[in-house]
């Protein structure tokens, strides 16, 4: 019999975590939210141990940052070796090989059979900001199309593109102008009341309405879209959706930007999620799991588009840090060598199978969906109304945590349980985590009946 991954030796949070929480509350503002009330001591693979010695299974992975797992030995070794050489020169002052090597690698592995170039930055939001700058520079147009329930980051342009108000946008306006929002292909909550596949993905045709009523397509620089909504609830569009959007963009010379910050680097069963739809973006934004836990992001795109900004128009002091670049090269080697996209497909198939079986047993679950190992359940008060069950969702996450599983919620209405377990999780750990999650759903469902 396999050894249990979860090992709780104190109440949670334990005394050391509680003491640190008091210090945190005294010295850190309330704005930076904490999903759990514990403090990490160490982590490896899909397990995290807190300062009190409690070991948890991690189904969050730093919000999709740890596809290759906590403390992956190749990444640790590569970062350590680079730290011993130099930590920083600023690429714009004295360039270094690692930056160029990462750019060359991304140009090779991203979809698109055309010449590409890559610029490196620090975070997903920063990469989004720069993708918009590049698109505007190339097209000489101001407007940008984005989607309802989207999340693109918390900086000015990225937050303007983000759709969730209560948590992310409240009190932070005014926002960037020339942003126009379109409904996403959210089949469980279809924005036009149709049913797939008989709808023929009519939601993609809503772009026509936007062009006729809201914004001149000749003034639109780019459309930016997540191939699977991340913070928006792991909404997975029909396979025809992205190709239809790109076709409509091509008709008006609008650049197609894929935001793969959360979906990239194997999470959905392909290296990049757009590969499932056969789409080749003009610009592709990536971050999170690229460097195995170190901060690094990138924009990769058609060479002529990437070259549009003037010399000095792109950059930043820390962008493409040499330690992060070394970590990224090691992480990419690991992803390819261990076929983590293939592993993601197997993890996701099992997780979705468990979720679909749970849906037949528990009225609380309205929908189970996902792509690869980007799988979620949507919780509702009752199935006929599909009213979001936010409080029940938080209760499930809390019960699971108390039993040793770290989860995170999602969705504009806060009623989604999403799974972002490291792709190195073992089969036994996956089953143990799913058992804990199901036990929490079962108990909350029983409370609601």
Protein backbone atom coordinates (compact mmCIF):
# COMPACT_ATOMS: atom_id res chain seq x y z
CA UNK A 1 0.00 0.00 0.00
CA UNK A 2 1.37 3.42 -0.97
CA UNK A 3 2.47 5.79 1.80
CA UNK A 4 0.09 8.69 2.30
CA UNK A 5 1.42 12.00 0.99
CA UNK A 6 -0.56 14.08 3.47
CA UNK A 7 0.80 14.13 7.02
CA UNK A 8 -0.80 16.56 9.47
CA UNK A 9 1.00 16.57 12.82
CA UNK A 10 -0.66 19.66 14.36
CA UNK A 11 -3.94 21.44 13.97
CA UNK A 12 -3.89 23.69 10.90
CA UNK A 13 -2.77 26.34 11.01
CA UNK A 14 -0.23 25.23 13.61
CA UNK A 15 1.31 27.42 16.31
CA UNK A 16 4.28 28.62 14.26
CA UNK A 17 2.07 29.59 11.33
CA UNK A 18 -0.32 31.41 13.66
CA UNK A 19 2.57 33.37 15.15
CA UNK A 20 3.81 34.32 11.69
CA UNK A 21 0.30 35.35 10.66
CA UNK A 22 0.28 37.88 13.49
CA UNK A 23 3.58 39.32 12.25
CA UNK A 24 2.26 39.35 8.67
CA UNK A 25 -0.86 41.26 9.72
CA UNK A 26 1.25 43.85 11.52
CA UNK A 27 3.69 44.50 8.69
CA UNK A 28 2.06 43.52 5.37
CA UNK A 29 -1.03 45.32 4.00
CA UNK A 30 -4.30 43.46 3.63
CA UNK A 31 -4.29 43.78 -0.19
CA UNK A 32 -2.00 40.80 -0.88
CA UNK A 33 -4.44 37.95 -0.25
CA UNK A 34 -3.42 34.57 1.23
CA UNK A 35 -5.32 31.46 0.14
CA UNK A 36 -4.10 29.46 3.14
CA UNK A 37 -3.12 30.47 6.70
CA UNK A 38 0.10 28.43 6.73
CA UNK A 39 3.72 29.37 6.04
CA UNK A 40 5.91 27.21 3.82
CA UNK A 41 9.08 25.62 5.13
CA UNK A 42 10.02 23.41 2.18
CA UNK A 43 8.42 21.79 -0.86
CA UNK A 44 9.24 19.04 -3.31
CA UNK A 45 7.32 17.67 -6.29
CA UNK A 46 3.62 17.94 -5.45
CA UNK A 47 4.07 18.18 -1.68
CA UNK A 48 4.53 21.21 0.58
CA UNK A 49 5.56 21.16 4.25
CA UNK A 50 4.77 24.09 6.52
CA UNK A 51 6.76 25.53 9.41
CA UNK A 52 4.86 23.30 11.85
CA UNK A 53 5.85 20.11 10.02
CA UNK A 54 2.49 19.48 8.35
CA UNK A 55 2.77 18.08 4.81
CA UNK A 56 0.09 18.95 2.26
CA UNK A 57 -0.65 17.87 -1.28
CA UNK A 58 -0.49 20.88 -3.56
CA UNK A 59 -3.17 21.19 -6.26
CA UNK A 60 -2.30 24.86 -6.89
CA UNK A 61 1.39 24.81 -7.84
CA UNK A 62 1.93 28.49 -7.15
CA UNK A 63 -1.08 29.19 -9.44
CA UNK A 64 0.22 27.18 -12.36
CA UNK A 65 3.89 28.11 -11.95
CA UNK A 66 5.16 24.68 -10.98
CA UNK A 67 4.28 22.33 -13.84
CA UNK A 68 7.67 20.66 -13.25
CA UNK A 69 7.06 20.53 -9.49
CA UNK A 70 8.47 22.21 -6.42
CA UNK A 71 12.26 22.40 -6.21
CA UNK A 72 12.89 20.46 -9.41
CA UNK A 73 16.55 19.35 -9.11
CA UNK A 74 17.58 20.41 -12.66
CA UNK A 75 16.23 23.91 -12.09
CA UNK A 76 17.85 24.22 -8.67
CA UNK A 77 21.19 23.09 -10.11
CA UNK A 78 21.00 25.46 -13.08
CA UNK A 79 20.04 28.43 -10.92
CA UNK A 80 22.80 27.66 -8.41
CA UNK A 81 25.41 27.43 -11.15
CA UNK A 82 24.33 30.76 -12.63
CA UNK A 83 24.29 32.42 -9.20
CA UNK A 84 27.96 31.52 -8.85
CA UNK A 85 28.81 33.23 -12.16
CA UNK A 86 26.77 36.47 -11.94
CA UNK A 87 23.29 37.46 -10.82
CA UNK A 88 22.65 40.53 -12.95
CA UNK A 89 24.16 42.82 -15.55
CA UNK A 90 20.95 44.17 -17.14
CA UNK A 91 20.61 42.73 -20.62
CA UNK A 92 20.41 46.27 -22.02
CA UNK A 93 23.84 47.13 -20.59
CA UNK A 94 25.84 43.93 -20.94
CA UNK A 95 23.96 41.12 -22.71
CA UNK A 96 24.49 37.46 -21.86
CA UNK A 97 24.05 34.16 -23.62
CA UNK A 98 21.18 32.86 -21.49
CA UNK A 99 18.73 35.51 -22.67
CA UNK A 100 19.51 34.77 -26.31
CA UNK A 101 19.33 31.01 -25.71
CA UNK A 102 15.86 31.28 -24.14
CA UNK A 103 14.66 33.47 -27.02
CA UNK A 104 16.04 31.03 -29.57
CA UNK A 105 14.36 28.11 -27.77
CA UNK A 106 10.96 29.82 -27.58
CA UNK A 107 11.15 30.81 -31.23
CA UNK A 108 11.61 27.13 -32.03
CA UNK A 109 8.95 25.54 -29.81
CA UNK A 110 6.08 28.02 -30.15
CA UNK A 111 3.53 27.32 -32.90
CA UNK A 112 3.95 29.01 -36.25
CA UNK A 113 5.99 28.10 -39.30
CA UNK A 114 7.39 31.60 -39.81
CA UNK A 115 10.41 33.60 -38.59
CA UNK A 116 9.97 34.67 -34.96
CA UNK A 117 11.64 36.82 -32.34
CA UNK A 118 11.26 36.90 -28.55
CA UNK A 119 11.58 39.57 -25.85
CA UNK A 120 11.83 38.61 -22.17
CA UNK A 121 10.22 40.29 -19.18
CA UNK A 122 9.46 39.56 -15.51
CA UNK A 123 5.78 38.64 -15.17
CA UNK A 124 2.73 37.68 -17.16
CA UNK A 125 1.18 41.12 -16.70
CA UNK A 126 4.35 42.80 -17.94
CA UNK A 127 4.41 40.55 -20.99
CA UNK A 128 0.76 41.41 -21.73
CA UNK A 129 1.54 45.13 -21.46
CA UNK A 130 4.39 44.75 -23.93
CA UNK A 131 2.39 42.59 -26.34
CA UNK A 132 -0.14 45.41 -26.61
CA UNK A 133 2.65 47.96 -27.10
CA UNK A 134 4.13 45.82 -29.88
CA UNK A 135 0.75 45.36 -31.58
CA UNK A 136 0.00 49.07 -31.50
CA UNK A 137 3.46 49.94 -32.79
CA UNK A 138 3.12 47.52 -35.71
CA UNK A 139 -0.46 48.32 -36.73
CA UNK A 140 -0.51 52.03 -35.79
CA UNK A 141 -3.97 51.40 -34.36
CA UNK A 142 -5.15 52.14 -30.79
CA UNK A 143 -7.98 49.75 -29.92
CA UNK A 144 -7.80 46.28 -28.34
CA UNK A 145 -10.43 43.55 -28.15
CA UNK A 146 -10.63 41.28 -25.10
CA UNK A 147 -13.19 38.99 -23.47
CA UNK A 148 -15.63 38.75 -20.63
CA UNK A 149 -14.35 36.66 -17.70
CA UNK A 150 -10.77 37.21 -18.90
CA UNK A 151 -7.77 37.72 -16.63
CA UNK A 152 -4.60 39.27 -18.03
CA UNK A 153 -2.91 40.74 -14.95
CA UNK A 154 -2.98 43.62 -12.48
CA UNK A 155 -0.94 46.42 -14.08
CA UNK A 156 -2.75 49.27 -15.87
CA UNK A 157 -3.26 47.82 -19.35
CA UNK A 158 -3.48 44.24 -18.09
CA UNK A 159 -6.04 45.22 -15.44
CA UNK A 160 -8.01 47.16 -18.06
CA UNK A 161 -8.19 43.92 -20.07
CA UNK A 162 -9.16 41.88 -17.00
CA UNK A 163 -12.89 41.33 -16.49
CA UNK A 164 -13.40 40.63 -12.78
CA UNK A 165 -14.37 43.82 -10.94
CA UNK A 166 -14.95 43.07 -7.26
CA UNK A 167 -11.55 41.59 -6.44
CA UNK A 168 -9.20 43.10 -9.00
CA UNK A 169 -10.56 46.41 -10.33
CA UNK A 170 -12.60 47.97 -7.54
CA UNK A 171 -11.22 51.39 -6.61
CA UNK A 172 -8.34 51.33 -9.10
CA UNK A 173 -9.78 53.30 -12.03
CA UNK A 174 -9.62 55.09 -14.36
CA UNK A 175 -8.47 52.35 -16.69
CA UNK A 176 -6.79 52.43 -20.06
CA UNK A 177 -9.02 53.61 -22.93
CA UNK A 178 -9.79 51.89 -26.23
CA UNK A 179 -10.55 48.51 -24.62
CA UNK A 180 -13.58 46.66 -26.03
CA UNK A 181 -14.96 43.47 -24.49
CA UNK A 182 -16.65 40.51 -26.19
CA UNK A 183 -18.47 37.52 -24.61
CA UNK A 184 -16.37 34.34 -24.40
CA UNK A 185 -17.46 30.87 -25.52
CA UNK A 186 -18.71 29.86 -22.07
CA UNK A 187 -20.87 26.93 -23.13
CA UNK A 188 -22.24 26.15 -19.66
CA UNK A 189 -23.47 29.75 -19.46
CA UNK A 190 -23.85 30.52 -23.17
CA UNK A 191 -23.92 34.30 -23.66
CA UNK A 192 -26.52 33.99 -26.40
CA UNK A 193 -28.57 31.13 -24.98
CA UNK A 194 -27.65 28.47 -27.54
CA UNK A 195 -26.33 24.90 -27.23
CA UNK A 196 -23.15 23.44 -28.71
CA UNK A 197 -22.70 21.98 -31.30
CA UNK A 198 -25.97 23.02 -32.96
CA UNK A 199 -25.01 26.66 -32.29
CA UNK A 200 -22.15 26.37 -34.80
CA UNK A 201 -20.09 28.46 -32.36
CA UNK A 202 -22.22 31.53 -33.08
CA UNK A 203 -20.61 33.37 -30.17
CA UNK A 204 -17.55 33.95 -32.35
CA UNK A 205 -19.80 35.90 -34.73
CA UNK A 206 -20.44 38.46 -31.99
CA UNK A 207 -17.34 40.22 -33.29
CA UNK A 208 -19.53 41.43 -36.17
CA UNK A 209 -21.84 43.13 -33.68
CA UNK A 210 -18.89 44.80 -31.97
CA UNK A 211 -17.58 46.07 -35.29
CA UNK A 212 -20.99 47.42 -36.29
CA UNK A 213 -22.03 48.95 -32.96
CA UNK A 214 -18.97 49.65 -30.84
CA UNK A 215 -15.63 50.05 -32.61
CA UNK A 216 -14.39 50.42 -36.18
CA UNK A 217 -12.37 47.28 -36.99
CA UNK A 218 -9.90 49.46 -38.88
CA UNK A 219 -8.92 51.04 -35.56
CA UNK A 220 -8.36 47.72 -33.74
CA UNK A 221 -4.73 46.71 -33.27
CA UNK A 222 -5.22 43.31 -31.68
CA UNK A 223 -7.50 40.75 -30.12
CA UNK A 224 -6.10 39.10 -26.98
CA UNK A 225 -7.56 35.82 -25.76
CA UNK A 226 -6.82 33.03 -23.29
CA UNK A 227 -7.15 29.65 -25.10
CA UNK A 228 -8.71 28.40 -21.85
CA UNK A 229 -9.93 30.96 -19.32
CA UNK A 230 -7.75 30.76 -16.23
CA UNK A 231 -8.98 32.98 -13.41
CA UNK A 232 -12.28 33.12 -15.31
CA UNK A 233 -13.02 29.51 -14.38
CA UNK A 234 -11.15 27.09 -16.67
CA UNK A 235 -13.73 27.68 -19.37
CA UNK A 236 -12.75 25.54 -22.35
CA UNK A 237 -14.15 26.79 -25.67
CA UNK A 238 -15.20 24.48 -28.52
CA UNK A 239 -12.28 23.57 -30.83
CA UNK A 240 -13.74 25.69 -33.67
CA UNK A 241 -13.80 28.86 -31.58
CA UNK A 242 -10.22 30.10 -31.76
CA UNK A 243 -9.88 29.40 -35.51
CA UNK A 244 -13.09 31.37 -36.16
CA UNK A 245 -11.80 34.28 -34.10
CA UNK A 246 -8.48 34.27 -35.92
CA UNK A 247 -10.21 34.16 -39.32
CA UNK A 248 -12.25 37.24 -38.43
CA UNK A 249 -9.09 38.99 -37.23
CA UNK A 250 -7.36 38.21 -40.52
CA UNK A 251 -10.26 39.76 -42.44
CA UNK A 252 -9.53 43.11 -40.77
CA UNK A 253 -5.73 42.88 -40.35
CA UNK A 254 -6.15 42.60 -36.57
CA UNK A 255 -3.34 40.84 -34.75
CA UNK A 256 -4.22 37.68 -32.83
CA UNK A 257 -2.56 37.50 -29.39
CA UNK A 258 -2.73 34.28 -27.38
CA UNK A 259 -2.29 34.73 -23.62
CA UNK A 260 -0.74 31.40 -22.60
CA UNK A 261 0.51 32.57 -19.21
CA UNK A 262 -1.45 29.85 -17.40
CA UNK A 263 -2.08 27.39 -20.23
CA UNK A 264 1.48 27.14 -21.52
CA UNK A 265 4.34 24.68 -21.04
CA UNK A 266 2.43 21.43 -21.08
CA UNK A 267 -0.52 22.19 -18.80
CA UNK A 268 -3.25 21.35 -21.34
CA UNK A 269 -1.64 18.27 -22.90
CA UNK A 270 0.24 20.22 -25.57
CA UNK A 271 3.21 22.52 -25.07
CA UNK A 272 0.80 25.40 -25.81
CA UNK A 273 -2.98 25.26 -25.68
CA UNK A 274 -3.51 26.89 -29.10
CA UNK A 275 -1.97 23.79 -30.65
CA UNK A 276 -5.20 21.90 -29.88
CA UNK A 277 -7.03 24.27 -32.24
CA UNK A 278 -4.31 24.50 -34.87
CA UNK A 279 -4.00 28.26 -34.35
CA UNK A 280 -0.73 30.11 -35.00
CA UNK A 281 -0.86 33.39 -33.06
CA UNK A 282 0.80 36.54 -34.33
CA UNK A 283 2.01 37.11 -30.75
CA UNK A 284 2.14 34.59 -27.91
CA UNK A 285 2.42 35.68 -24.27
CA UNK A 286 3.87 33.27 -21.70
CA UNK A 287 5.18 33.19 -18.13
CA UNK A 288 4.38 31.11 -15.00
CA UNK A 289 5.85 27.60 -15.56
CA UNK A 290 8.51 28.74 -18.02
CA UNK A 291 11.25 29.03 -15.39
CA UNK A 292 10.22 26.43 -12.85
CA UNK A 293 9.32 28.90 -10.11
CA UNK A 294 11.58 31.84 -10.93
CA UNK A 295 10.15 35.08 -12.37
CA UNK A 296 10.35 35.18 -16.16
CA UNK A 297 7.93 35.98 -18.97
CA UNK A 298 8.11 36.41 -22.72
CA UNK A 299 6.41 37.67 -25.83
CA UNK A 300 7.17 35.61 -28.93
CA UNK A 301 5.84 36.58 -32.32
CA UNK A 302 6.29 37.12 -36.01
CA UNK A 303 9.69 38.68 -36.55
CA UNK A 304 8.40 41.68 -38.50
CA UNK A 305 5.84 42.45 -35.77
CA UNK A 306 8.34 42.06 -32.94
CA UNK A 307 10.74 44.40 -34.76
CA UNK A 308 8.15 47.19 -35.05
CA UNK A 309 9.01 49.08 -31.81
CA UNK A 310 11.98 51.43 -32.05
CA UNK A 311 15.33 50.61 -30.46
CA UNK A 312 14.89 51.16 -26.72
CA UNK A 313 11.11 50.83 -26.98
CA UNK A 314 11.06 47.47 -25.18
CA UNK A 315 12.89 46.48 -22.03
CA UNK A 316 13.25 46.76 -18.29
CA UNK A 317 16.00 46.54 -15.70
CA UNK A 318 15.32 42.98 -14.57
CA UNK A 319 13.68 41.51 -17.68
CA UNK A 320 15.27 38.22 -18.67
CA UNK A 321 17.33 37.94 -15.48
CA UNK A 322 20.25 35.53 -16.03
CA UNK A 323 19.33 33.25 -13.12
CA UNK A 324 15.76 32.98 -14.40
CA UNK A 325 17.03 32.30 -17.92
CA UNK A 326 19.24 29.46 -16.67
CA UNK A 327 16.28 28.03 -14.78
CA UNK A 328 14.06 28.31 -17.87
CA UNK A 329 16.48 26.39 -20.08
CA UNK A 330 16.64 23.61 -17.48
CA UNK A 331 12.85 23.63 -17.07
CA UNK A 332 12.27 23.40 -20.82
CA UNK A 333 14.72 20.50 -21.06
CA UNK A 334 12.84 18.74 -18.27
CA UNK A 335 9.41 19.34 -19.82
CA UNK A 336 10.53 17.88 -23.14
CA UNK A 337 12.64 15.03 -21.72
CA UNK A 338 9.89 13.84 -19.36
CA UNK A 339 7.08 14.51 -21.87
CA UNK A 340 5.10 16.54 -19.36
CA UNK A 341 2.45 17.45 -21.96
CA UNK A 342 1.75 13.73 -22.32
CA UNK A 343 1.69 13.35 -18.56
CA UNK A 344 -0.72 16.30 -18.34
CA UNK A 345 -3.09 14.57 -20.75
CA UNK A 346 -3.13 11.46 -18.57
CA UNK A 347 -3.54 13.41 -15.32
CA UNK A 348 -6.34 15.46 -16.83
CA UNK A 349 -8.17 12.43 -18.19
CA UNK A 350 -8.18 10.83 -14.75
CA UNK A 351 -9.15 14.05 -12.93
CA UNK A 352 -11.98 14.76 -15.38
CA UNK A 353 -13.20 11.16 -15.06
CA UNK A 354 -13.34 11.59 -11.27
CA UNK A 355 -15.10 14.96 -11.59
CA UNK A 356 -17.69 13.64 -14.02
CA UNK A 357 -18.43 10.71 -11.72
CA UNK A 358 -18.75 13.14 -8.80
CA UNK A 359 -21.19 15.21 -10.81
CA UNK A 360 -23.53 12.23 -11.05
CA UNK A 361 -23.46 11.86 -7.26
CA UNK A 362 -23.52 15.43 -5.96
CA UNK A 363 -26.10 18.04 -7.00
CA UNK A 364 -23.64 20.74 -5.94
CA UNK A 365 -21.59 20.18 -9.10
CA UNK A 366 -23.16 21.85 -12.10
CA UNK A 367 -20.38 21.30 -14.59
CA UNK A 368 -17.07 19.46 -14.93
CA UNK A 369 -14.72 20.57 -17.69
CA UNK A 370 -11.15 21.07 -18.75
CA UNK A 371 -8.36 20.53 -21.22
CA UNK A 372 -5.42 18.34 -20.28
CA UNK A 373 -4.51 18.86 -16.63
CA UNK A 374 -6.38 22.17 -16.52
CA UNK A 375 -9.57 20.71 -15.05
CA UNK A 376 -12.30 22.23 -12.87
CA UNK A 377 -15.74 21.81 -11.38
CA UNK A 378 -18.36 24.55 -11.22
CA UNK A 379 -20.52 24.56 -8.08
CA UNK A 380 -24.13 25.74 -8.18
CA UNK A 381 -26.95 26.16 -5.68
CA UNK A 382 -29.21 24.10 -7.91
CA UNK A 383 -28.84 22.76 -11.42
CA UNK A 384 -31.98 24.24 -13.00
CA UNK A 385 -31.04 27.84 -12.15
CA UNK A 386 -27.26 27.33 -12.28
CA UNK A 387 -26.98 30.00 -9.58
CA UNK A 388 -23.33 30.22 -8.50
CA UNK A 389 -22.58 28.67 -5.10
CA UNK A 390 -19.66 30.83 -3.96
CA UNK A 391 -20.00 30.15 -0.23
CA UNK A 392 -20.17 26.40 -0.82
CA UNK A 393 -17.11 26.63 -3.06
CA UNK A 394 -15.13 28.38 -0.34
CA UNK A 395 -16.35 25.78 2.14
CA UNK A 396 -15.11 22.93 -0.08
CA UNK A 397 -11.70 24.56 -0.41
CA UNK A 398 -11.50 25.12 3.34
CA UNK A 399 -12.47 21.55 4.25
CA UNK A 400 -9.99 20.15 1.73
CA UNK A 401 -7.24 22.31 3.23
CA UNK A 402 -8.05 21.13 6.75
CA UNK A 403 -7.66 17.56 5.43
CA UNK A 404 -4.31 18.25 3.77
CA UNK A 405 -5.07 19.40 0.22
CA UNK A 406 -4.27 22.92 -0.98
CA UNK A 407 -6.84 24.20 -3.50
CA UNK A 408 -7.69 27.51 -5.12
CA UNK A 409 -11.00 28.80 -6.40
CA UNK A 410 -11.68 30.72 -9.61
CA UNK A 411 -14.44 32.19 -11.74
CA UNK A 412 -15.99 35.62 -11.98
CA UNK A 413 -18.57 34.45 -9.42
CA UNK A 414 -16.02 32.60 -7.27
CA UNK A 415 -17.76 29.24 -7.70
CA UNK A 416 -15.09 27.19 -9.47
CA UNK A 417 -12.64 24.71 -7.96
CA UNK A 418 -9.68 24.56 -10.32
CA UNK A 419 -6.79 22.09 -10.27
CA UNK A 420 -3.21 23.04 -11.11
CA UNK A 421 -1.33 20.13 -9.59
CA UNK A 422 2.33 19.82 -10.61
CA UNK A 423 2.62 17.52 -13.59
CA UNK A 424 5.19 15.40 -11.74
CA UNK A 425 2.54 14.28 -9.26
CA UNK A 426 2.45 10.50 -8.85
CA UNK A 427 -0.64 8.45 -9.58
CA UNK A 428 -0.98 7.65 -5.88
CA UNK A 429 -0.72 11.33 -4.92
CA UNK A 430 -3.28 12.27 -7.55
CA UNK A 431 -5.77 9.71 -6.24
CA UNK A 432 -5.18 10.78 -2.64
CA UNK A 433 -5.76 14.41 -3.54
CA UNK A 434 -8.91 13.59 -5.51
CA UNK A 435 -10.19 11.50 -2.61
CA UNK A 436 -9.75 14.45 -0.25
CA UNK A 437 -11.45 16.80 -2.69
CA UNK A 438 -14.37 14.44 -3.14
CA UNK A 439 -14.76 14.04 0.61
CA UNK A 440 -15.04 17.83 0.94
CA UNK A 441 -17.58 18.06 -1.89
CA UNK A 442 -19.59 15.18 -0.38
CA UNK A 443 -19.79 16.85 3.01
CA UNK A 444 -20.70 20.29 1.66
CA UNK A 445 -23.30 18.74 -0.67
CA UNK A 446 -24.84 16.93 2.29
CA UNK A 447 -24.97 20.18 4.26
CA UNK A 448 -26.88 21.83 1.41
CA UNK A 449 -29.58 19.15 1.12
